[in-house]
C-alpha cells in the first residue's frame, strides 16, 4: 500500500475515533438528561470533529462515511437508554447493523 494511502487511512481512522470519543464524552456529560437531547448533542459533537478533519484535509468526502457509521452507536445508545435490550431492540440493532 502506498504511503500516501496509508496516511490518508490513518487520518480517516483518527477522525472517526475522535468523533466517537467526542460523542461519548458529550453523552456522558449529559447523562440523565432526555435521550433525544443526549443523542442530538453527541451527534453534533461527532459531526463537528469529522467536519474539522475534512476542512483540515480540504476534502469533504471524508465526511461521507459518517452517514453509514453513525447510526450504529446511536442505535446502541437508544437500545440501552431504558436499561435493558429487549427483543425489539435486538432486532433494530441487527437491522441497523445489516444496513
Protein backbone atom coordinates (compact mmCIF):
# COMPACT_ATOMS: atom_id res chain seq x y z
CA UNK A 1 0.00 0.00 0.00
CA UNK A 2 1.49 3.36 -0.98
CA UNK A 3 2.49 5.61 1.92
CA UNK A 4 0.08 8.40 0.90
CA UNK A 5 -2.83 5.97 1.03
CA UNK A 6 -1.70 4.76 4.48
CA UNK A 7 -1.52 8.35 5.73
CA UNK A 8 -4.99 9.07 4.40
CA UNK A 9 -6.44 5.95 6.03
CA UNK A 10 -4.75 6.90 9.30
CA UNK A 11 -6.24 10.40 9.01
CA UNK A 12 -9.73 8.96 8.42
CA UNK A 13 -9.31 6.47 11.27
CA UNK A 14 -8.20 9.23 13.65
CA UNK A 15 -11.16 11.39 12.61
CA UNK A 16 -13.67 8.66 13.34
CA UNK A 17 -12.07 7.50 16.59
CA UNK A 18 -12.01 11.10 17.86
CA UNK A 19 -15.57 11.65 16.65
CA UNK A 20 -16.72 8.61 18.62
CA UNK A 21 -14.80 9.81 21.67
CA UNK A 22 -16.37 13.28 21.37
CA UNK A 23 -19.85 11.80 21.06
CA UNK A 24 -19.31 9.51 24.04
CA UNK A 25 -17.85 12.36 26.08
CA UNK A 26 -20.81 14.64 25.39
CA UNK A 27 -23.16 11.75 26.12
CA UNK A 28 -21.51 11.18 29.50
CA UNK A 29 -21.63 14.89 30.32
CA UNK A 30 -25.36 14.94 29.59
CA UNK A 31 -26.12 11.63 31.30
CA UNK A 32 -29.52 11.66 32.93
CA UNK A 33 -30.97 14.22 30.52
CA UNK A 34 -33.65 13.45 27.96
CA UNK A 35 -32.37 10.82 25.48
CA UNK A 36 -33.22 12.99 22.47
CA UNK A 37 -31.08 15.83 23.84
CA UNK A 38 -28.19 13.47 24.62
CA UNK A 39 -28.30 11.80 21.20
CA UNK A 40 -28.57 15.11 19.35
CA UNK A 41 -25.74 16.76 21.28
CA UNK A 42 -23.48 13.71 20.88
CA UNK A 43 -24.20 13.60 17.15
CA UNK A 44 -23.41 17.31 16.79
CA UNK A 45 -20.12 16.85 18.64
CA UNK A 46 -19.10 13.90 16.47
CA UNK A 47 -20.18 15.73 13.33
CA UNK A 48 -18.08 18.75 14.24
CA UNK A 49 -15.00 16.58 14.75
CA UNK A 50 -15.39 14.90 11.36
CA UNK A 51 -16.15 18.27 9.75
CA UNK A 52 -12.98 19.72 11.29
CA UNK A 53 -10.89 16.90 9.87
CA UNK A 54 -12.49 17.34 6.44
CA UNK A 55 -11.74 21.08 6.50
CA UNK A 56 -8.16 20.42 7.58
CA UNK A 57 -7.73 17.96 4.68
CA UNK A 58 -9.75 20.15 2.29
CA UNK A 59 -11.67 17.00 1.42
CA UNK A 60 -15.41 16.89 2.09
CA UNK A 61 -15.59 13.22 1.11
CA UNK A 62 -14.03 12.44 4.49
CA UNK A 63 -17.49 13.13 5.91
CA UNK A 64 -19.36 10.72 3.61
CA UNK A 65 -18.78 7.51 5.62
CA UNK A 66 -20.22 9.20 8.72
CA UNK A 67 -23.77 8.55 7.50
CA UNK A 68 -23.03 4.83 7.33
CA UNK A 69 -21.20 4.56 10.65
CA UNK A 70 -23.08 6.97 12.94
CA UNK A 71 -26.41 5.09 13.10
CA UNK A 72 -24.89 2.07 14.86
CA UNK A 73 -23.66 3.78 18.05
CA UNK A 74 -26.86 5.85 18.08
CA UNK A 75 -28.98 2.70 17.85
CA UNK A 76 -26.95 1.08 20.64
CA UNK A 77 -27.48 4.18 22.79
CA UNK A 78 -31.23 4.18 22.19
CA UNK A 79 -31.40 0.45 22.93
CA UNK A 80 -29.56 0.88 26.22
CA UNK A 81 -31.32 4.10 27.29
CA UNK A 82 -34.06 2.19 29.12
CA UNK A 83 -31.57 -0.06 30.89
CA UNK A 84 -32.05 -3.34 29.03
CA UNK A 85 -32.04 -4.65 25.49
CA UNK A 86 -35.29 -6.39 24.64
CA UNK A 87 -36.19 -8.45 21.60
CA UNK A 88 -37.38 -5.40 19.66
CA UNK A 89 -34.15 -3.55 20.49
CA UNK A 90 -32.08 -6.51 19.34
CA UNK A 91 -33.99 -6.71 16.06
CA UNK A 92 -33.50 -2.98 15.44
CA UNK A 93 -29.78 -3.29 16.19
CA UNK A 94 -29.49 -6.20 13.75
CA UNK A 95 -31.35 -4.21 11.08
CA UNK A 96 -29.11 -1.16 11.57
CA UNK A 97 -26.01 -3.35 11.52
CA UNK A 98 -27.18 -5.02 8.29
CA UNK A 99 -27.86 -1.63 6.73
